[in-house]
Amino acid sequence: MIKFLIAGHGYLADGIKSTISIIMGDEIANQIMTLNGFVEDGSMDVNGDIEKIINSIDENDKLIIFSDLMHGSINQFLIPYIDENRIYIISGINFPLVCEIISKYIFGNLEEVNVDDLKDDIEKAKQEIIYVNEYVKENSFEKSDDEFFS
């Protein structure tokens, strides 16, 4: 089985999970673990909590981890757990990336992680970072243009 962990500073992880719940439903969101680092009602022992999460994963399961900052402390605590056959860490995440990967593996009932697919998903997610002011001007959208959402 493929499992998912979103780990970040503050309440980023719970925020992403909450948004997934709204867009994709509670059934999907309930399959995602979160780690909120360095907040009162979250984890103050991030390294210890990461170890507990990793140890709770069955040795036959895979874990895709989404972290907020490549050079942040949470990601640095995750790096020692990299396992090319079992644990995959993606850092510098955005919401489209998390949705794409989670929906692909959950809805596709996939049992194995394809690293090339993960890399493709990361490249696609980069395209979702758009300076909207310029995009609207270049594409002649008007505020009342219904086709903007088509």
N, C-alpha and C. Protein backbone atom coordinates (compact mmCIF):
# COMPACT_ATOMS: atom_id res chain seq x y z
N MET A 1 0.85 -1.18 0.00
CA MET A 1 0.00 0.00 0.00
C MET A 1 0.90 1.25 0.00
N ILE A 2 0.45 2.26 -0.67
CA ILE A 2 1.17 3.53 -0.69
C ILE A 2 0.49 4.48 0.28
N LYS A 3 1.30 5.04 1.16
CA LYS A 3 0.79 5.97 2.17
C LYS A 3 1.38 7.35 1.91
N PHE A 4 0.77 8.37 2.53
CA PHE A 4 1.17 9.75 2.28
C PHE A 4 1.34 10.50 3.59
N LEU A 5 2.38 11.35 3.63
CA LEU A 5 2.63 12.21 4.76
C LEU A 5 2.91 13.61 4.23
N ILE A 6 2.21 14.60 4.78
CA ILE A 6 2.53 16.00 4.50
C ILE A 6 3.17 16.54 5.77
N ALA A 7 4.38 17.09 5.63
CA ALA A 7 5.12 17.59 6.78
C ALA A 7 5.55 19.02 6.50
N GLY A 8 5.28 19.90 7.45
CA GLY A 8 5.66 21.29 7.25
C GLY A 8 5.73 22.06 8.55
N HIS A 9 6.26 23.24 8.43
CA HIS A 9 6.34 24.16 9.57
C HIS A 9 4.95 24.76 9.81
N GLY A 10 4.63 25.00 11.06
CA GLY A 10 3.33 25.58 11.38
C GLY A 10 2.22 24.61 11.01
N TYR A 11 1.13 25.16 10.53
CA TYR A 11 -0.05 24.35 10.21
C TYR A 11 -0.21 24.11 8.71
N LEU A 12 0.87 24.24 7.96
CA LEU A 12 0.80 24.03 6.52
C LEU A 12 0.23 22.65 6.18
N ALA A 13 0.72 21.61 6.84
CA ALA A 13 0.29 20.25 6.53
C ALA A 13 -1.21 20.07 6.75
N ASP A 14 -1.71 20.53 7.89
CA ASP A 14 -3.15 20.42 8.15
C ASP A 14 -3.95 21.29 7.19
N GLY A 15 -3.39 22.43 6.81
CA GLY A 15 -4.08 23.30 5.85
C GLY A 15 -4.24 22.63 4.50
N ILE A 16 -3.18 22.01 4.02
CA ILE A 16 -3.27 21.30 2.73
C ILE A 16 -4.25 20.14 2.84
N LYS A 17 -4.18 19.40 3.92
CA LYS A 17 -5.10 18.28 4.12
C LYS A 17 -6.55 18.77 4.18
N SER A 18 -6.77 19.88 4.84
CA SER A 18 -8.12 20.46 4.93
C SER A 18 -8.65 20.83 3.54
N THR A 19 -7.80 21.41 2.73
CA THR A 19 -8.20 21.80 1.38
C THR A 19 -8.46 20.56 0.53
N ILE A 20 -7.65 19.53 0.70
CA ILE A 20 -7.90 18.27 -0.01
C ILE A 20 -9.25 17.71 0.39
N SER A 21 -9.58 17.81 1.66
CA SER A 21 -10.87 17.33 2.14
C SER A 21 -12.03 18.04 1.44
N ILE A 22 -11.88 19.35 1.27
CA ILE A 22 -12.93 20.13 0.60
C ILE A 22 -13.03 19.77 -0.87
N ILE A 23 -11.91 19.65 -1.54
CA ILE A 23 -11.91 19.43 -2.99
C ILE A 23 -12.08 17.97 -3.37
N MET A 24 -11.41 17.07 -2.65
CA MET A 24 -11.42 15.66 -3.03
C MET A 24 -12.26 14.79 -2.11
N GLY A 25 -12.65 15.33 -0.97
CA GLY A 25 -13.49 14.59 -0.04
C GLY A 25 -12.74 14.06 1.16
N ASP A 26 -13.51 13.83 2.23
CA ASP A 26 -12.94 13.34 3.48
C ASP A 26 -12.31 11.96 3.33
N GLU A 27 -12.89 11.12 2.48
CA GLU A 27 -12.37 9.76 2.32
C GLU A 27 -10.91 9.79 1.85
N ILE A 28 -10.60 10.71 0.95
CA ILE A 28 -9.22 10.85 0.47
C ILE A 28 -8.36 11.49 1.55
N ALA A 29 -8.84 12.59 2.12
CA ALA A 29 -8.07 13.31 3.12
C ALA A 29 -7.73 12.42 4.32
N ASN A 30 -8.63 11.53 4.68
CA ASN A 30 -8.40 10.66 5.83
C ASN A 30 -7.27 9.66 5.60
N GLN A 31 -6.82 9.53 4.36
CA GLN A 31 -5.72 8.62 4.04
C GLN A 31 -4.36 9.32 4.10
N ILE A 32 -4.35 10.58 4.52
CA ILE A 32 -3.13 11.38 4.54
C ILE A 32 -2.74 11.66 5.99
N MET A 33 -1.48 11.37 6.31
CA MET A 33 -0.95 11.73 7.62
C MET A 33 -0.35 13.14 7.53
N THR A 34 -0.35 13.84 8.64
CA THR A 34 0.26 15.18 8.65
C THR A 34 1.20 15.31 9.84
N LEU A 35 2.16 16.19 9.67
CA LEU A 35 3.06 16.55 10.75
C LEU A 35 3.18 18.07 10.72
N ASN A 36 2.67 18.71 11.77
CA ASN A 36 2.74 20.16 11.92
C ASN A 36 3.88 20.46 12.87
N GLY A 37 4.94 21.04 12.35
CA GLY A 37 6.13 21.22 13.17
C GLY A 37 6.23 22.57 13.86
N PHE A 38 6.70 22.50 15.08
CA PHE A 38 7.07 23.67 15.87
C PHE A 38 5.87 24.56 16.22
N VAL A 39 4.75 23.94 16.53
CA VAL A 39 3.56 24.66 16.98
C VAL A 39 3.08 23.99 18.27
N GLU A 40 2.41 24.77 19.10
CA GLU A 40 2.00 24.29 20.42
C GLU A 40 1.23 22.98 20.39
N ASP A 41 0.22 22.89 19.55
CA ASP A 41 -0.58 21.67 19.53
C ASP A 41 -0.17 20.74 18.39
N GLY A 42 1.02 20.97 17.86
CA GLY A 42 1.60 20.10 16.85
C GLY A 42 2.81 19.41 17.43
N SER A 43 3.85 19.31 16.65
CA SER A 43 5.04 18.62 17.10
C SER A 43 6.14 19.59 17.50
N MET A 44 6.63 19.42 18.70
CA MET A 44 7.82 20.15 19.13
C MET A 44 9.04 19.25 19.00
N ASP A 45 8.80 17.94 18.93
CA ASP A 45 9.87 16.97 18.72
C ASP A 45 9.71 16.38 17.32
N VAL A 46 9.98 17.21 16.33
CA VAL A 46 9.75 16.80 14.94
C VAL A 46 10.55 15.56 14.59
N ASN A 47 11.81 15.54 14.96
CA ASN A 47 12.65 14.39 14.63
C ASN A 47 12.09 13.11 15.25
N GLY A 48 11.69 13.18 16.51
CA GLY A 48 11.10 12.02 17.18
C GLY A 48 9.79 11.59 16.55
N ASP A 49 8.97 12.57 16.18
CA ASP A 49 7.68 12.24 15.57
C ASP A 49 7.85 11.64 14.18
N ILE A 50 8.83 12.14 13.43
CA ILE A 50 9.12 11.55 12.11
C ILE A 50 9.53 10.09 12.29
N GLU A 51 10.40 9.85 13.25
CA GLU A 51 10.84 8.47 13.50
C GLU A 51 9.65 7.57 13.83
N LYS A 52 8.73 8.05 14.66
CA LYS A 52 7.53 7.27 15.01
C LYS A 52 6.69 6.97 13.77
N ILE A 53 6.50 7.98 12.93
CA ILE A 53 5.70 7.79 11.72
C ILE A 53 6.37 6.76 10.80
N ILE A 54 7.65 6.93 10.55
CA ILE A 54 8.38 6.00 9.68
C ILE A 54 8.30 4.58 10.24
N ASN A 55 8.49 4.43 11.53
CA ASN A 55 8.45 3.11 12.16
C ASN A 55 7.05 2.50 12.16
N SER A 56 6.01 3.33 12.00
CA SER A 56 4.64 2.81 11.99
C SER A 56 4.23 2.27 10.62
N ILE A 57 5.04 2.54 9.63
CA ILE A 57 4.73 2.10 8.26
C ILE A 57 5.19 0.65 8.10
N ASP A 58 4.28 -0.20 7.65
CA ASP A 58 4.61 -1.60 7.41
C ASP A 58 5.77 -1.70 6.43
N GLU A 59 6.64 -2.65 6.63
CA GLU A 59 7.83 -2.76 5.77
C GLU A 59 7.49 -3.04 4.31
N ASN A 60 6.29 -3.50 4.02
CA ASN A 60 5.87 -3.74 2.64
C ASN A 60 5.19 -2.53 2.01
N ASP A 61 4.90 -1.51 2.83
CA ASP A 61 4.25 -0.30 2.33
C ASP A 61 5.28 0.69 1.80
N LYS A 62 4.80 1.60 0.97
CA LYS A 62 5.61 2.70 0.45
C LYS A 62 5.09 3.97 1.10
N LEU A 63 5.94 4.99 1.21
CA LEU A 63 5.54 6.25 1.81
C LEU A 63 6.04 7.39 0.93
N ILE A 64 5.10 8.20 0.46
CA ILE A 64 5.44 9.42 -0.26
C ILE A 64 5.28 10.56 0.73
N ILE A 65 6.37 11.30 0.93
CA ILE A 65 6.37 12.40 1.88
C ILE A 65 6.47 13.71 1.12
N PHE A 66 5.59 14.65 1.47
CA PHE A 66 5.61 15.99 0.91
C PHE A 66 6.10 16.93 2.01
N SER A 67 7.18 17.66 1.76
CA SER A 67 7.67 18.61 2.77
C SER A 67 7.69 20.02 2.19
N ASP A 68 7.69 20.99 3.08
CA ASP A 68 7.56 22.37 2.63
C ASP A 68 8.84 22.99 2.08
N LEU A 69 9.95 22.86 2.77
CA LEU A 69 11.18 23.56 2.38
C LEU A 69 12.36 22.59 2.28
N MET A 70 13.05 22.60 1.15
CA MET A 70 14.19 21.72 0.96
C MET A 70 15.22 21.87 2.06
N HIS A 71 15.56 23.09 2.40
CA HIS A 71 16.62 23.32 3.38
C HIS A 71 16.08 23.63 4.77
N GLY A 72 14.78 23.40 4.96
CA GLY A 72 14.18 23.61 6.27
C GLY A 72 14.50 22.45 7.20
N SER A 73 14.33 22.69 8.48
CA SER A 73 14.69 21.67 9.47
C SER A 73 13.87 20.39 9.32
N ILE A 74 12.60 20.51 8.99
CA ILE A 74 11.77 19.30 8.87
C ILE A 74 12.28 18.41 7.76
N ASN A 75 12.58 18.98 6.62
CA ASN A 75 13.11 18.18 5.51
C ASN A 75 14.47 17.59 5.87
N GLN A 76 15.26 18.33 6.60
CA GLN A 76 16.57 17.81 7.02
C GLN A 76 16.41 16.60 7.95
N PHE A 77 15.36 16.61 8.78
CA PHE A 77 15.07 15.45 9.63
C PHE A 77 14.58 14.26 8.80
N LEU A 78 13.95 14.52 7.66
CA LEU A 78 13.42 13.46 6.82
C LEU A 78 14.50 12.78 5.97
N ILE A 79 15.50 13.53 5.56
CA ILE A 79 16.50 13.02 4.61
C ILE A 79 17.14 11.69 5.03
N PRO A 80 17.47 11.48 6.28
CA PRO A 80 18.09 10.19 6.63
C PRO A 80 17.19 8.97 6.36
N TYR A 81 15.90 9.18 6.17
CA TYR A 81 14.98 8.07 5.96
C TYR A 81 14.77 7.74 4.48
N ILE A 82 15.43 8.47 3.59
CA ILE A 82 15.29 8.17 2.17
C ILE A 82 15.61 6.71 1.92
N ASP A 83 14.73 6.08 1.16
CA ASP A 83 14.91 4.68 0.78
C ASP A 83 14.35 4.56 -0.63
N GLU A 84 15.22 4.37 -1.60
CA GLU A 84 14.81 4.37 -3.02
C GLU A 84 13.72 3.35 -3.34
N ASN A 85 13.53 2.38 -2.47
CA ASN A 85 12.54 1.33 -2.71
C ASN A 85 11.30 1.47 -1.84
N ARG A 86 11.30 2.50 -0.95
CA ARG A 86 10.20 2.53 0.01
C ARG A 86 9.75 3.92 0.43
N ILE A 87 10.69 4.84 0.58
CA ILE A 87 10.35 6.17 1.09
C ILE A 87 10.83 7.23 0.11
N TYR A 88 9.89 8.06 -0.32
CA TYR A 88 10.14 9.05 -1.36
C TYR A 88 9.78 10.42 -0.81
N ILE A 89 10.72 11.36 -0.87
CA ILE A 89 10.49 12.69 -0.31
C ILE A 89 10.48 13.71 -1.43
N ILE A 90 9.44 14.53 -1.44
CA ILE A 90 9.33 15.63 -2.40
C ILE A 90 9.23 16.91 -1.59
N SER A 91 10.14 17.85 -1.85
CA SER A 91 10.19 19.08 -1.08
C SER A 91 9.85 20.28 -1.96
N GLY A 92 9.45 21.38 -1.30
CA GLY A 92 9.08 22.59 -2.03
C GLY A 92 7.73 22.42 -2.71
N ILE A 93 6.84 21.75 -2.05
CA ILE A 93 5.57 21.33 -2.66
C ILE A 93 4.63 22.50 -2.91
N ASN A 94 3.69 22.26 -3.84
CA ASN A 94 2.55 23.14 -4.00
C ASN A 94 1.29 22.28 -4.04
N PHE A 95 0.15 22.92 -3.91
CA PHE A 95 -1.10 22.17 -3.80
C PHE A 95 -1.41 21.31 -5.03
N PRO A 96 -1.22 21.84 -6.26
CA PRO A 96 -1.49 20.99 -7.43
C PRO A 96 -0.65 19.71 -7.45
N LEU A 97 0.59 19.82 -7.00
CA LEU A 97 1.45 18.64 -6.97
C LEU A 97 0.91 17.59 -6.01
N VAL A 98 0.56 18.01 -4.82
CA VAL A 98 0.04 17.07 -3.82
C VAL A 98 -1.23 16.41 -4.34
N CYS A 99 -2.13 17.18 -4.90
CA CYS A 99 -3.39 16.62 -5.44
C CYS A 99 -3.13 15.64 -6.57
N GLU A 100 -2.25 16.01 -7.48
CA GLU A 100 -1.95 15.15 -8.63
C GLU A 100 -1.42 13.80 -8.17
N ILE A 101 -0.46 13.81 -7.30
CA ILE A 101 0.16 12.55 -6.87
C ILE A 101 -0.79 11.72 -6.03
N ILE A 102 -1.45 12.34 -5.08
CA ILE A 102 -2.37 11.58 -4.23
C ILE A 102 -3.51 10.99 -5.05
N SER A 103 -4.10 11.78 -5.92
CA SER A 103 -5.22 11.25 -6.72
C SER A 103 -4.75 10.15 -7.65
N LYS A 104 -3.57 10.28 -8.22
CA LYS A 104 -3.05 9.26 -9.13
C LYS A 104 -2.91 7.92 -8.41
N TYR A 105 -2.35 7.94 -7.22
CA TYR A 105 -2.11 6.68 -6.52
C TYR A 105 -3.36 6.13 -5.84
N ILE A 106 -4.20 7.00 -5.31
CA ILE A 106 -5.41 6.50 -4.64
C ILE A 106 -6.45 6.05 -5.65
N PHE A 107 -6.78 6.91 -6.61
CA PHE A 107 -7.81 6.55 -7.58
C PHE A 107 -7.33 5.46 -8.54
N GLY A 108 -6.05 5.44 -8.79
CA GLY A 108 -5.50 4.42 -9.68
C GLY A 108 -5.21 3.11 -9.00
N ASN A 109 -5.41 3.07 -7.67
CA ASN A 109 -5.13 1.86 -6.89
C ASN A 109 -3.74 1.31 -7.18
N LEU A 110 -2.78 2.20 -7.35
CA LEU A 110 -1.42 1.78 -7.67
C LEU A 110 -0.72 1.25 -6.42
N GLU A 111 0.07 0.23 -6.61
CA GLU A 111 0.77 -0.42 -5.50
C GLU A 111 2.26 -0.09 -5.49
N GLU A 112 2.79 0.39 -6.61
CA GLU A 112 4.21 0.70 -6.70
C GLU A 112 4.39 2.17 -7.06
N VAL A 113 5.46 2.75 -6.57
CA VAL A 113 5.78 4.14 -6.87
C VAL A 113 6.68 4.16 -8.09
N ASN A 114 6.30 4.96 -9.08
CA ASN A 114 7.11 5.13 -10.27
C ASN A 114 7.82 6.47 -10.16
N VAL A 115 9.13 6.43 -9.96
CA VAL A 115 9.92 7.64 -9.74
C VAL A 115 9.86 8.56 -10.95
N ASP A 116 9.85 8.01 -12.16
CA ASP A 116 9.76 8.85 -13.36
C ASP A 116 8.43 9.60 -13.40
N ASP A 117 7.35 8.94 -12.97
CA ASP A 117 6.05 9.63 -12.88
C ASP A 117 6.09 10.75 -11.84
N LEU A 118 6.75 10.49 -10.70
CA LEU A 118 6.87 11.54 -9.69
C LEU A 118 7.61 12.75 -10.25
N LYS A 119 8.68 12.50 -10.98
CA LYS A 119 9.44 13.59 -11.58
C LYS A 119 8.60 14.35 -12.60
N ASP A 120 7.81 13.63 -13.40
CA ASP A 120 6.92 14.29 -14.36
C ASP A 120 5.87 15.14 -13.64
N ASP A 121 5.32 14.61 -12.56
CA ASP A 121 4.33 15.36 -11.79
C ASP A 121 4.93 16.63 -11.21
N ILE A 122 6.17 16.56 -10.77
CA ILE A 122 6.86 17.74 -10.23
C ILE A 122 7.01 18.79 -11.32
N GLU A 123 7.40 18.37 -12.52
CA GLU A 123 7.55 19.32 -13.62
C GLU A 123 6.21 19.96 -14.00
N LYS A 124 5.14 19.15 -14.02
CA LYS A 124 3.81 19.70 -14.31
C LYS A 124 3.38 20.71 -13.25
N ALA A 125 3.68 20.41 -12.00
CA ALA A 125 3.27 21.30 -10.89
C ALA A 125 3.98 22.64 -10.98
N LYS A 126 5.18 22.65 -11.50
CA LYS A 126 5.91 23.91 -11.66
C LYS A 126 5.16 24.84 -12.61
N GLN A 127 4.45 24.27 -13.56
CA GLN A 127 3.69 25.06 -14.52
C GLN A 127 2.45 25.70 -13.90
N GLU A 128 2.08 25.26 -12.71
CA GLU A 128 0.92 25.82 -12.02
C GLU A 128 1.27 27.10 -11.25
N ILE A 129 2.54 27.45 -11.22
CA ILE A 129 2.96 28.69 -10.57
C ILE A 129 2.92 29.78 -11.64
N ILE A 130 1.93 30.63 -11.54
CA ILE A 130 1.62 31.59 -12.60
C ILE A 130 1.43 32.98 -11.99
N TYR A 131 2.02 33.97 -12.63
CA TYR A 131 1.74 35.36 -12.27
C TYR A 131 0.45 35.71 -13.00
N VAL A 132 -0.65 35.68 -12.28
CA VAL A 132 -1.98 35.77 -12.88
C VAL A 132 -2.23 37.11 -13.56
N ASN A 133 -1.73 38.22 -13.02
CA ASN A 133 -1.93 39.53 -13.64
C ASN A 133 -1.47 39.51 -15.09
N GLU A 134 -0.27 38.98 -15.29
CA GLU A 134 0.28 38.91 -16.63
C GLU A 134 -0.46 37.90 -17.49
N TYR A 135 -0.80 36.77 -16.93
CA TYR A 135 -1.50 35.73 -17.65
C TYR A 135 -2.84 36.24 -18.19
N VAL A 136 -3.57 36.96 -17.35
CA VAL A 136 -4.87 37.51 -17.76
C VAL A 136 -4.68 38.50 -18.91
N LYS A 137 -3.69 39.37 -18.81
CA LYS A 137 -3.43 40.35 -19.88
C LYS A 137 -3.08 39.64 -21.18
N GLU A 138 -2.20 38.68 -21.12
CA GLU A 138 -1.73 37.99 -22.32
C GLU A 138 -2.82 37.14 -22.96
N ASN A 139 -3.79 36.72 -22.18
CA ASN A 139 -4.83 35.85 -22.70
C ASN A 139 -6.17 36.56 -22.86
N SER A 140 -6.17 37.87 -22.75
CA SER A 140 -7.34 38.71 -22.99
C SER A 140 -8.57 38.30 -22.19
N PHE A 141 -8.37 37.93 -20.95
CA PHE A 141 -9.51 37.60 -20.10
C PHE A 141 -10.07 38.87 -19.50
N GLU A 142 -11.38 38.90 -19.40
CA GLU A 142 -12.04 39.99 -18.70
C GLU A 142 -12.69 39.39 -17.47
N LYS A 143 -12.95 40.24 -16.49
CA LYS A 143 -13.50 39.75 -15.24
C LYS A 143 -14.81 39.00 -15.44
N SER A 144 -15.60 39.35 -16.42
CA SER A 144 -16.89 38.70 -16.63
C SER A 144 -16.81 37.56 -17.64
N ASP A 145 -15.64 37.25 -18.11
CA ASP A 145 -15.47 36.22 -19.13
C ASP A 145 -15.71 34.83 -18.53
N ASP A 146 -16.85 34.23 -18.81
CA ASP A 146 -17.20 32.92 -18.27
C ASP A 146 -16.25 31.83 -18.75
N GLU A 147 -15.64 32.02 -19.90
CA GLU A 147 -14.76 31.00 -20.44
C GLU A 147 -13.46 30.88 -19.67
N PHE A 148 -13.17 31.82 -18.77
CA PHE A 148 -11.97 31.75 -17.97
C PHE A 148 -11.92 30.44 -17.18
N PHE A 149 -13.09 29.97 -16.73
CA PHE A 149 -13.16 28.76 -15.92
C PHE A 149 -13.45 27.51 -16.73
N SER A 150 -13.43 27.61 -18.03
CA SER A 150 -13.71 26.43 -18.88
C SER A 150 -12.48 25.60 -19.08
